[in-house]
Amino acid sequence: MHSNSRIISAKSIHDYVKREHTSCSINTIMKYLGYLEEAYVIDTVKKYSTRTKRELSYYAKIYDADVSLNSLRCMDNRYDLTHNLENIVYNELVYMGYQVWVYDNAGKEIDFLVQRGNKKYFIQVAFSVAEEKAYTGEFGAFASIDNLSQKILVTNDDIDYSTSTVRHIKLRDFLLLNCLDEKER
């Protein structure tokens, strides 16, 4: 079971454990997730909400502290490049000192809403947007986001897909940045 860069809930894990193995409480699941966080094995990223009550509900995405953990149970030499790439970008954003959330834009998930100081950035991550479906999906997630905050797309593509409202950063350039305001080399 791959877990990085995916939405989880303590209840869904509880239901799986109960169905496949034995029963345990949702509180036990939450404790185990907490232990994994305390041991720096995983990070859980909460969904951004302007309402505190919503942030308290257990909805989060899990990211591995070490992306290689996602490859331990690799089946048929098929590595999950898309989710690993998102995990790498997450780890770099944390290293740069940004506060990170998952953002729901009217039902379209934006991978990250990050903030440092008073600057906010909306970030989408994709292995490639060369195909029309991927391009439409990634850029479509930014629909209805005002231009007061910067919108960034990080991909492994060599072609620059920047538009008048979305800044495209190639992965290799992103990994060299110290902050998101810095220009790529």
C-alpha atoms as a PDB file:
ATOM      1  CA  MET A   1       0.000   0.000   0.000  1.00  0.00           C
ATOM      2  CA  HIS A   2       1.471   3.314  -1.087  1.00  0.00           C
ATOM      3  CA  SER A   3       0.599   6.229   1.122  1.00  0.00           C
ATOM      4  CA  ASN A   4       2.651   9.285   0.282  1.00  0.00           C
ATOM      5  CA  SER A   5       0.956  12.341  -1.213  1.00  0.00           C
ATOM      6  CA  ARG A   6      -2.480  10.844  -0.665  1.00  0.00           C
ATOM      7  CA  ILE A   7      -5.450  11.939   1.398  1.00  0.00           C
ATOM      8  CA  ILE A   8      -6.038   9.794   4.446  1.00  0.00           C
ATOM      9  CA  SER A   9      -8.397   9.678   7.348  1.00  0.00           C
ATOM     10  CA  ALA A  10      -8.110   7.733  10.574  1.00  0.00           C
ATOM     11  CA  LYS A  11     -11.530   6.232   9.842  1.00  0.00           C
ATOM     12  CA  SER A  12     -10.515   4.866   6.421  1.00  0.00           C
ATOM     13  CA  ILE A  13      -7.397   3.263   7.939  1.00  0.00           C
ATOM     14  CA  HIS A  14      -9.537   1.866  10.778  1.00  0.00           C
ATOM     15  CA  ASP A  15     -12.016   0.392   8.286  1.00  0.00           C
ATOM     16  CA  TYR A  16      -9.178  -1.219   6.298  1.00  0.00           C
ATOM     17  CA  VAL A  17      -7.534  -2.744   9.388  1.00  0.00           C
ATOM     18  CA  LYS A  18     -10.889  -4.028  10.618  1.00  0.00           C
ATOM     19  CA  ARG A  19     -11.759  -5.528   7.224  1.00  0.00           C
ATOM     20  CA  GLU A  20      -8.352  -7.135   6.592  1.00  0.00           C
ATOM     21  CA  HIS A  21      -6.988  -8.015   9.994  1.00  0.00           C
ATOM     22  CA  THR A  22      -8.467  -7.229  13.363  1.00  0.00           C
ATOM     23  CA  SER A  23     -10.372  -4.461  14.985  1.00  0.00           C
ATOM     24  CA  CYS A  24      -8.848  -1.508  16.773  1.00  0.00           C
ATOM     25  CA  SER A  25     -10.157   1.914  17.648  1.00  0.00           C
ATOM     26  CA  ILE A  26      -9.850   5.081  15.594  1.00  0.00           C
ATOM     27  CA  ASN A  27      -8.020   6.589  18.581  1.00  0.00           C
ATOM     28  CA  THR A  28      -5.388   3.853  18.287  1.00  0.00           C
ATOM     29  CA  ILE A  29      -4.931   4.633  14.593  1.00  0.00           C
ATOM     30  CA  MET A  30      -4.536   8.340  15.390  1.00  0.00           C
ATOM     31  CA  LYS A  31      -1.962   7.495  18.096  1.00  0.00           C
ATOM     32  CA  TYR A  32       0.052   5.359  15.640  1.00  0.00           C
ATOM     33  CA  LEU A  33       0.007   8.142  13.043  1.00  0.00           C
ATOM     34  CA  GLY A  34       1.162  10.510  15.776  1.00  0.00           C
ATOM     35  CA  TYR A  35       4.013   8.161  16.686  1.00  0.00           C
ATOM     36  CA  LEU A  36       5.121   8.036  13.040  1.00  0.00           C
ATOM     37  CA  GLU A  37       5.115  11.843  12.941  1.00  0.00           C
ATOM     38  CA  GLU A  38       7.043  12.103  16.220  1.00  0.00           C
ATOM     39  CA  ALA A  39       9.644   9.696  14.802  1.00  0.00           C
ATOM     40  CA  TYR A  40       9.964  11.882  11.655  1.00  0.00           C
ATOM     41  CA  VAL A  41       8.829   9.052   9.407  1.00  0.00           C
ATOM     42  CA  ILE A  42       5.801  10.918   8.008  1.00  0.00           C
ATOM     43  CA  ASP A  43       4.296  14.387   7.972  1.00  0.00           C
ATOM     44  CA  THR A  44       0.575  14.972   7.798  1.00  0.00           C
ATOM     45  CA  VAL A  45      -0.589  18.118   6.045  1.00  0.00           C
ATOM     46  CA  LYS A  46      -3.997  19.453   6.939  1.00  0.00           C
ATOM     47  CA  LYS A  47      -6.539  20.957   4.585  1.00  0.00           C
ATOM     48  CA  TYR A  48      -6.541  24.752   4.714  1.00  0.00           C
ATOM     49  CA  SER A  49      -9.651  26.291   6.169  1.00  0.00           C
ATOM     50  CA  THR A  50     -10.543  29.736   7.393  1.00  0.00           C
ATOM     51  CA  ARG A  51     -12.674  27.970   9.992  1.00  0.00           C
ATOM     52  CA  THR A  52     -10.771  26.389  12.875  1.00  0.00           C
ATOM     53  CA  LYS A  53     -13.408  23.693  13.363  1.00  0.00           C
ATOM     54  CA  ARG A  54     -12.779  22.355   9.860  1.00  0.00           C
ATOM     55  CA  GLU A  55      -9.018  22.162  10.414  1.00  0.00           C
ATOM     56  CA  LEU A  56      -9.645  20.042  13.501  1.00  0.00           C
ATOM     57  CA  SER A  57     -11.455  17.378  11.480  1.00  0.00           C
ATOM     58  CA  TYR A  58      -9.056  14.583  10.593  1.00  0.00           C
ATOM     59  CA  TYR A  59      -8.450  15.101   6.899  1.00  0.00           C
ATOM     60  CA  ALA A  60      -4.851  15.174   5.834  1.00  0.00           C
ATOM     61  CA  LYS A  61      -2.340  14.151   3.238  1.00  0.00           C
ATOM     62  CA  ILE A  62       0.612  12.020   4.266  1.00  0.00           C
ATOM     63  CA  TYR A  63       4.119  12.771   3.058  1.00  0.00           C
ATOM     64  CA  ASP A  64       7.165  10.600   3.742  1.00  0.00           C
ATOM     65  CA  ALA A  65      10.111  12.286   5.439  1.00  0.00           C
ATOM     66  CA  ASP A  66      12.289  10.142   3.155  1.00  0.00           C
ATOM     67  CA  VAL A  67      10.779   9.589  -0.297  1.00  0.00           C
ATOM     68  CA  SER A  68      12.613   6.278  -0.656  1.00  0.00           C
ATOM     69  CA  LEU A  69      10.161   4.826   1.894  1.00  0.00           C
ATOM     70  CA  ASN A  70       7.527   4.847  -0.857  1.00  0.00           C
ATOM     71  CA  SER A  71       9.682   2.560  -2.983  1.00  0.00           C
ATOM     72  CA  LEU A  72      10.176  -0.178  -0.376  1.00  0.00           C
ATOM     73  CA  ARG A  73       7.092  -2.064  -1.541  1.00  0.00           C
ATOM     74  CA  CYS A  74       7.462  -1.297  -5.241  1.00  0.00           C
ATOM     75  CA  MET A  75       5.504  -3.752  -7.370  1.00  0.00           C
ATOM     76  CA  ASP A  76       6.740  -4.815 -10.817  1.00  0.00           C
ATOM     77  CA  ASN A  77       9.448  -2.088 -10.854  1.00  0.00           C
ATOM     78  CA  ARG A  78       6.715   0.535 -11.262  1.00  0.00           C
ATOM     79  CA  TYR A  79       7.625   3.504  -9.131  1.00  0.00           C
ATOM     80  CA  ASP A  80       4.970   6.056  -8.317  1.00  0.00           C
ATOM     81  CA  LEU A  81       6.797   8.987  -9.925  1.00  0.00           C
ATOM     82  CA  THR A  82       3.933  11.476  -9.706  1.00  0.00           C
ATOM     83  CA  HIS A  83       3.359  11.071  -5.976  1.00  0.00           C
ATOM     84  CA  ASN A  84       7.080  10.845  -5.268  1.00  0.00           C
ATOM     85  CA  LEU A  85       7.604  14.119  -7.141  1.00  0.00           C
ATOM     86  CA  GLU A  86       4.862  15.791  -5.087  1.00  0.00           C
ATOM     87  CA  ASN A  87       6.494  14.418  -1.928  1.00  0.00           C
ATOM     88  CA  ILE A  88       9.892  15.822  -2.979  1.00  0.00           C
ATOM     89  CA  VAL A  89       8.378  19.259  -3.600  1.00  0.00           C
ATOM     90  CA  TYR A  90       6.661  19.111  -0.196  1.00  0.00           C
ATOM     91  CA  ASN A  91       9.949  18.263   1.550  1.00  0.00           C
ATOM     92  CA  GLU A  92      11.696  21.159  -0.222  1.00  0.00           C
ATOM     93  CA  LEU A  93       8.942  23.628   0.729  1.00  0.00           C
ATOM     94  CA  VAL A  94       9.282  22.625   4.385  1.00  0.00           C
ATOM     95  CA  TYR A  95      13.083  22.916   4.098  1.00  0.00           C
ATOM     96  CA  MET A  96      12.645  26.443   2.675  1.00  0.00           C
ATOM     97  CA  GLY A  97      10.636  27.345   5.774  1.00  0.00           C
ATOM     98  CA  TYR A  98       7.111  27.541   4.367  1.00  0.00           C
ATOM     99  CA  GLN A  99       3.974  26.634   6.269  1.00  0.00           C
ATOM    100  CA  VAL A 100       2.099  24.117   4.082  1.00  0.00           C
ATOM    101  CA  TRP A 101      -1.566  23.142   3.653  1.00  0.00           C
ATOM    102  CA  VAL A 102      -3.651  21.246   1.115  1.00  0.00           C
ATOM    103  CA  TYR A 103      -6.157  23.609  -0.532  1.00  0.00           C
ATOM    104  CA  ASP A 104      -9.629  22.832  -1.851  1.00  0.00           C
ATOM    105  CA  ASN A 105     -10.593  25.247  -4.622  1.00  0.00           C
ATOM    106  CA  ALA A 106     -14.309  24.580  -5.031  1.00  0.00           C
ATOM    107  CA  GLY A 107     -13.818  20.832  -5.308  1.00  0.00           C
ATOM    108  CA  LYS A 108     -10.529  20.989  -7.237  1.00  0.00           C
ATOM    109  CA  GLU A 109      -7.613  20.144  -4.999  1.00  0.00           C
ATOM    110  CA  ILE A 110      -4.553  22.336  -5.194  1.00  0.00           C
ATOM    111  CA  ASP A 111      -1.542  20.371  -3.968  1.00  0.00           C
ATOM    112  CA  PHE A 112      -0.186  23.117  -1.733  1.00  0.00           C
ATOM    113  CA  LEU A 113      -1.061  26.468  -0.286  1.00  0.00           C
ATOM    114  CA  VAL A 114       2.171  27.707   1.268  1.00  0.00           C
ATOM    115  CA  GLN A 115       2.878  30.783   3.306  1.00  0.00           C
ATOM    116  CA  ARG A 116       5.924  32.457   4.748  1.00  0.00           C
ATOM    117  CA  GLY A 117       5.477  35.848   6.301  1.00  0.00           C
ATOM    118  CA  ASN A 118       2.595  37.546   4.540  1.00  0.00           C
ATOM    119  CA  LYS A 119       3.199  35.935   1.122  1.00  0.00           C
ATOM    120  CA  LYS A 120       0.993  33.083  -0.081  1.00  0.00           C
ATOM    121  CA  TYR A 121       1.590  30.774  -3.025  1.00  0.00           C
ATOM    122  CA  PHE A 122      -0.650  28.166  -4.628  1.00  0.00           C
ATOM    123  CA  ILE A 123       1.381  25.254  -6.025  1.00  0.00           C
ATOM    124  CA  GLN A 124       0.449  22.390  -8.319  1.00  0.00           C
ATOM    125  CA  VAL A 125       2.870  19.512  -8.942  1.00  0.00           C
ATOM    126  CA  ALA A 126       2.781  17.168 -11.926  1.00  0.00           C
ATOM    127  CA  PHE A 127       5.319  14.880 -13.525  1.00  0.00           C
ATOM    128  CA  SER A 128       4.424  16.356 -16.911  1.00  0.00           C
ATOM    129  CA  VAL A 129       1.739  18.537 -18.483  1.00  0.00           C
ATOM    130  CA  ALA A 130       2.756  17.735 -22.068  1.00  0.00           C
ATOM    131  CA  GLU A 131      -0.517  15.901 -22.671  1.00  0.00           C
ATOM    132  CA  GLU A 132      -3.662  18.008 -23.016  1.00  0.00           C
ATOM    133  CA  LYS A 133      -5.579  16.225 -20.247  1.00  0.00           C
ATOM    134  CA  ALA A 134      -2.799  16.805 -17.680  1.00  0.00           C
ATOM    135  CA  TYR A 135      -2.337  20.421 -18.811  1.00  0.00           C
ATOM    136  CA  THR A 136      -6.051  21.165 -18.498  1.00  0.00           C
ATOM    137  CA  GLY A 137      -6.322  19.445 -15.115  1.00  0.00           C
ATOM    138  CA  GLU A 138      -3.321  21.150 -13.519  1.00  0.00           C
ATOM    139  CA  PHE A 139      -4.071  24.643 -14.826  1.00  0.00           C
ATOM    140  CA  GLY A 140      -7.816  24.174 -14.238  1.00  0.00           C
ATOM    141  CA  ALA A 141      -7.202  23.701 -10.502  1.00  0.00           C
ATOM    142  CA  PHE A 142      -6.159  27.374 -10.360  1.00  0.00           C
ATOM    143  CA  ALA A 143      -9.498  28.565 -11.810  1.00  0.00           C
ATOM    144  CA  SER A 144     -11.179  31.213  -9.661  1.00  0.00           C
ATOM    145  CA  ILE A 145      -8.028  31.886  -7.597  1.00  0.00           C
ATOM    146  CA  ASP A 146      -7.372  35.618  -7.646  1.00  0.00           C
ATOM    147  CA  ASN A 147      -4.026  36.975  -8.792  1.00  0.00           C
ATOM    148  CA  LEU A 148      -3.085  38.445  -5.403  1.00  0.00           C
ATOM    149  CA  SER A 149      -1.197  35.239  -4.601  1.00  0.00           C
ATOM    150  CA  GLN A 150       1.301  33.691  -6.960  1.00  0.00           C
ATOM    151  CA  LYS A 151       0.273  30.477  -8.728  1.00  0.00           C
ATOM    152  CA  ILE A 152       3.096  28.038  -9.442  1.00  0.00           C
ATOM    153  CA  LEU A 153       3.276  24.797 -11.412  1.00  0.00           C
ATOM    154  CA  VAL A 154       6.262  22.479 -10.813  1.00  0.00           C
ATOM    155  CA  THR A 155       6.887  19.749 -13.385  1.00  0.00           C
ATOM    156  CA  ASN A 156       9.676  17.614 -14.791  1.00  0.00           C
ATOM    157  CA  ASP A 157       9.047  19.071 -18.277  1.00  0.00           C
ATOM    158  CA  ASP A 158      11.840  20.846 -20.174  1.00  0.00           C
ATOM    159  CA  ILE A 159       9.415  23.182 -21.972  1.00  0.00           C
ATOM    160  CA  ASP A 160       8.342  26.353 -20.134  1.00  0.00           C
ATOM    161  CA  TYR A 161       4.552  26.225 -19.676  1.00  0.00           C
ATOM    162  CA  SER A 162       4.264  29.594 -17.895  1.00  0.00           C
ATOM    163  CA  THR A 163       1.220  31.712 -18.678  1.00  0.00           C
ATOM    164  CA  SER A 164       0.310  35.277 -17.796  1.00  0.00           C
ATOM    165  CA  THR A 165      -1.114  34.068 -14.454  1.00  0.00           C
ATOM    166  CA  VAL A 166       0.796  30.844 -13.660  1.00  0.00           C
ATOM    167  CA  ARG A 167       4.562  30.558 -13.206  1.00  0.00           C
ATOM    168  CA  HIS A 168       6.008  27.236 -14.346  1.00  0.00           C
ATOM    169  CA  ILE A 169       9.167  26.066 -12.574  1.00  0.00           C
ATOM    170  CA  LYS A 170      11.081  23.086 -13.894  1.00  0.00           C
ATOM    171  CA  LEU A 171      11.841  20.560 -11.140  1.00  0.00           C
ATOM    172  CA  ARG A 172      15.616  20.842 -11.520  1.00  0.00           C
ATOM    173  CA  ASP A 173      15.357  24.643 -11.104  1.00  0.00           C
ATOM    174  CA  PHE A 174      12.923  24.343  -8.183  1.00  0.00           C
ATOM    175  CA  LEU A 175      15.364  22.142  -6.274  1.00  0.00           C
ATOM    176  CA  LEU A 176      18.018  24.900  -6.498  1.00  0.00           C
ATOM    177  CA  LEU A 177      15.767  27.640  -5.071  1.00  0.00           C
ATOM    178  CA  ASN A 178      16.167  28.995  -1.545  1.00  0.00           C
ATOM    179  CA  CYS A 179      12.733  30.653  -1.653  1.00  0.00           C
ATOM    180  CA  LEU A 180       9.838  30.946  -4.099  1.00  0.00           C
ATOM    181  CA  ASP A 181      10.553  34.619  -4.857  1.00  0.00           C
ATOM    182  CA  GLU A 182      13.962  33.722  -6.215  1.00  0.00           C
ATOM    183  CA  LYS A 183      14.292  33.538 -10.003  1.00  0.00           C
ATOM    184  CA  GLU A 184      15.302  30.251 -11.587  1.00  0.00           C
ATOM    185  CA  ARG A 185      18.808  29.972 -12.972  1.00  0.00           C
END
